[in-house]
């Protein structure tokens, strides 16, 4: 399978790789700084989150760079977590997340991921208008009239 990677997919891969490296160093530096104080020891789990995100970004970027390309879906979850990294004052990762979400919505990128994953591109198929059916031939009238059903006499309640 020889699928040419679009430029935007390459941009997503490079920016995700750069953001992963930045998040690794950002998380390690924040954890090291916070460990120097007593309150920082309590807050260390929060400072480790950019490091974990950085690891996931590096793994995803490696999948995008692989030759031959691996079947991988667009990772909007990583992009959303990159945007949420603004909570740890990481503006670069936030910008990468926004750009990734914008690039994932590009038709060329969508077509690349669908062809890479082997899922057919589904286009809406117009439903044809139902053809009018011909009127059925009327049944021949029978010569005998149909018997009329007899009604039972009504019961009347007495007062």
Protein backbone atom coordinates (compact mmCIF):
# COMPACT_ATOMS: atom_id res chain seq x y z
CA UNK A 1 0.00 0.00 0.00
CA UNK A 2 1.73 3.15 -1.20
CA UNK A 3 -0.28 6.13 -0.02
CA UNK A 4 1.29 9.57 -0.35
CA UNK A 5 1.05 11.57 2.88
CA UNK A 6 -0.48 15.01 2.41
CA UNK A 7 1.50 18.01 3.58
CA UNK A 8 -0.97 18.75 6.35
CA UNK A 9 -0.51 15.26 7.79
CA UNK A 10 3.24 15.88 7.81
CA UNK A 11 2.63 19.19 9.59
CA UNK A 12 0.44 17.45 12.17
CA UNK A 13 3.16 14.84 12.74
CA UNK A 14 5.97 17.40 13.14
CA UNK A 15 4.00 19.72 15.42
CA UNK A 16 2.79 16.81 17.54
CA UNK A 17 6.38 15.61 17.87
CA UNK A 18 7.58 19.08 18.89
CA UNK A 19 4.71 19.49 21.33
CA UNK A 20 5.49 16.08 22.82
CA UNK A 21 9.12 17.06 23.46
CA UNK A 22 8.07 20.41 24.92
CA UNK A 23 5.48 18.72 27.16
CA UNK A 24 8.03 16.17 28.38
CA UNK A 25 10.49 18.86 29.40
CA UNK A 26 7.72 21.12 30.70
CA UNK A 27 6.30 18.39 32.93
CA UNK A 28 9.69 17.23 34.19
CA UNK A 29 10.81 20.79 34.95
CA UNK A 30 7.54 21.62 36.69
CA UNK A 31 7.67 18.41 38.71
CA UNK A 32 11.28 19.06 39.72
CA UNK A 33 10.51 22.63 40.70
CA UNK A 34 7.42 21.71 42.67
CA UNK A 35 9.18 18.88 44.48
CA UNK A 36 11.47 21.48 46.07
CA UNK A 37 8.61 22.75 48.23
CA UNK A 38 6.25 21.05 50.66
CA UNK A 39 3.15 22.28 48.83
CA UNK A 40 4.72 21.18 45.55
CA UNK A 41 4.88 17.60 46.77
CA UNK A 42 1.11 17.67 47.11
CA UNK A 43 0.71 19.27 43.66
CA UNK A 44 3.11 16.91 41.89
CA UNK A 45 0.34 14.76 40.33
CA UNK A 46 -0.90 17.86 38.49
CA UNK A 47 2.60 18.66 37.19
CA UNK A 48 3.08 15.10 35.91
CA UNK A 49 0.11 15.41 33.50
CA UNK A 50 2.08 17.32 30.80
CA UNK A 51 4.70 14.57 30.91
CA UNK A 52 2.08 11.89 30.31
CA UNK A 53 0.59 13.91 27.45
CA UNK A 54 4.09 14.30 25.99
CA UNK A 55 4.56 10.52 25.94
CA UNK A 56 1.25 10.01 24.14
CA UNK A 57 2.15 12.74 21.64
CA UNK A 58 5.50 11.09 20.87
CA UNK A 59 3.84 7.71 20.31
CA UNK A 60 1.20 9.22 18.01
CA UNK A 61 3.81 11.21 16.05
CA UNK A 62 5.86 8.02 15.60
CA UNK A 63 2.80 6.29 14.14
CA UNK A 64 2.27 9.18 11.72
CA UNK A 65 5.93 9.10 10.63
CA UNK A 66 6.08 5.32 10.16
CA UNK A 67 6.91 3.84 6.77
CA UNK A 68 4.80 2.06 5.56
CA UNK A 69 2.05 4.10 7.18
CA UNK A 70 0.16 2.47 10.03
CA UNK A 71 -3.59 2.45 10.17
CA UNK A 72 -4.27 5.25 12.63
CA UNK A 73 -7.26 7.49 13.23
CA UNK A 74 -7.05 11.27 13.65
CA UNK A 75 -6.38 11.79 17.35
CA UNK A 76 -8.73 14.56 18.34
CA UNK A 77 -8.35 13.51 21.98
CA UNK A 78 -4.66 14.40 21.97
CA UNK A 79 -5.48 17.72 20.30
CA UNK A 80 -8.06 18.53 22.97
CA UNK A 81 -5.60 17.68 25.76
CA UNK A 82 -3.02 19.87 24.04
CA UNK A 83 -5.50 22.74 24.16
CA UNK A 84 -6.22 21.98 27.81
CA UNK A 85 -2.49 22.19 28.55
CA UNK A 86 -2.96 25.96 28.70
CA UNK A 87 -3.98 25.22 32.31
CA UNK A 88 -0.33 24.37 32.95
CA UNK A 89 0.71 27.60 31.16
CA UNK A 90 1.92 25.80 28.02
CA UNK A 91 0.88 28.14 25.20
CA UNK A 92 2.86 26.30 22.51
CA UNK A 93 1.01 23.04 23.08
CA UNK A 94 -2.32 24.86 23.04
CA UNK A 95 -1.51 26.35 19.61
CA UNK A 96 -0.51 22.92 18.29
CA UNK A 97 -3.80 21.46 19.52
CA UNK A 98 -5.84 24.16 17.79
CA UNK A 99 -3.93 23.73 14.53
CA UNK A 100 -4.31 19.95 14.69
CA UNK A 101 -8.08 20.20 15.09
CA UNK A 102 -8.27 22.61 12.16
CA UNK A 103 -6.09 20.36 9.98
CA UNK A 104 -8.12 17.23 10.89
CA UNK A 105 -11.19 18.87 9.35
CA UNK A 106 -9.46 19.46 6.00
CA UNK A 107 -10.98 17.25 3.25
CA UNK A 108 -7.54 16.09 2.03
CA UNK A 109 -6.60 14.92 5.53
CA UNK A 110 -9.96 13.21 6.01
CA UNK A 111 -9.55 11.38 2.70
CA UNK A 112 -6.02 10.32 3.65
CA UNK A 113 -7.12 8.81 6.96
CA UNK A 114 -10.10 7.03 5.40
CA UNK A 115 -7.95 5.53 2.64
CA UNK A 116 -5.27 4.61 5.18
CA UNK A 117 -7.74 2.78 7.40
CA UNK A 118 -9.44 1.02 4.51
CA UNK A 119 -12.83 2.45 5.33
CA UNK A 120 -14.78 3.37 2.24
CA UNK A 121 -15.70 6.98 1.77
CA UNK A 122 -19.41 7.14 2.22
CA UNK A 123 -21.19 9.63 0.08
CA UNK A 124 -24.85 10.30 0.56
CA UNK A 125 -26.75 8.30 -2.02
CA UNK A 126 -29.83 10.09 -3.27
CA UNK A 127 -32.92 8.02 -2.83
CA UNK A 128 -34.90 7.72 -6.05
CA UNK A 129 -38.49 8.86 -6.01
CA UNK A 130 -40.85 5.91 -5.93
CA UNK A 131 -42.24 5.15 -9.33
CA UNK A 132 -45.99 5.32 -9.53
CA UNK A 133 -47.47 1.87 -9.67
CA UNK A 134 -49.99 1.11 -12.42
CA UNK A 135 -53.53 0.69 -11.26
CA UNK A 136 -54.39 -3.00 -10.94
CA UNK A 137 -57.05 -4.30 -13.25
CA UNK A 138 -60.39 -4.25 -11.50
CA UNK A 139 -61.68 -7.69 -10.62
CA UNK A 140 -64.51 -8.84 -12.85
CA UNK A 141 -67.87 -8.24 -11.26
CA UNK A 142 -69.63 -11.39 -10.25
CA UNK A 143 -73.11 -11.84 -11.56
CA UNK A 144 -74.56 -12.68 -8.17
CA UNK A 145 -74.86 -9.88 -5.70
CA UNK A 146 -72.94 -10.38 -2.54
CA UNK A 147 -75.13 -11.44 0.36
CA UNK A 148 -75.76 -8.76 2.90
CA UNK A 149 -74.96 -9.71 6.44
CA UNK A 150 -77.94 -10.00 8.74
CA UNK A 151 -77.90 -7.87 11.79
CA UNK A 152 -78.99 -9.24 15.13
CA UNK A 153 -81.83 -7.36 16.78
CA UNK A 154 -80.74 -4.80 19.30
CA UNK A 155 -81.43 -5.42 22.90
CA UNK A 156 -83.14 -2.58 24.62
CA UNK A 157 -82.76 -2.15 28.34
CA UNK A 158 -86.02 -1.93 30.26
CA UNK A 159 -86.62 0.74 32.78
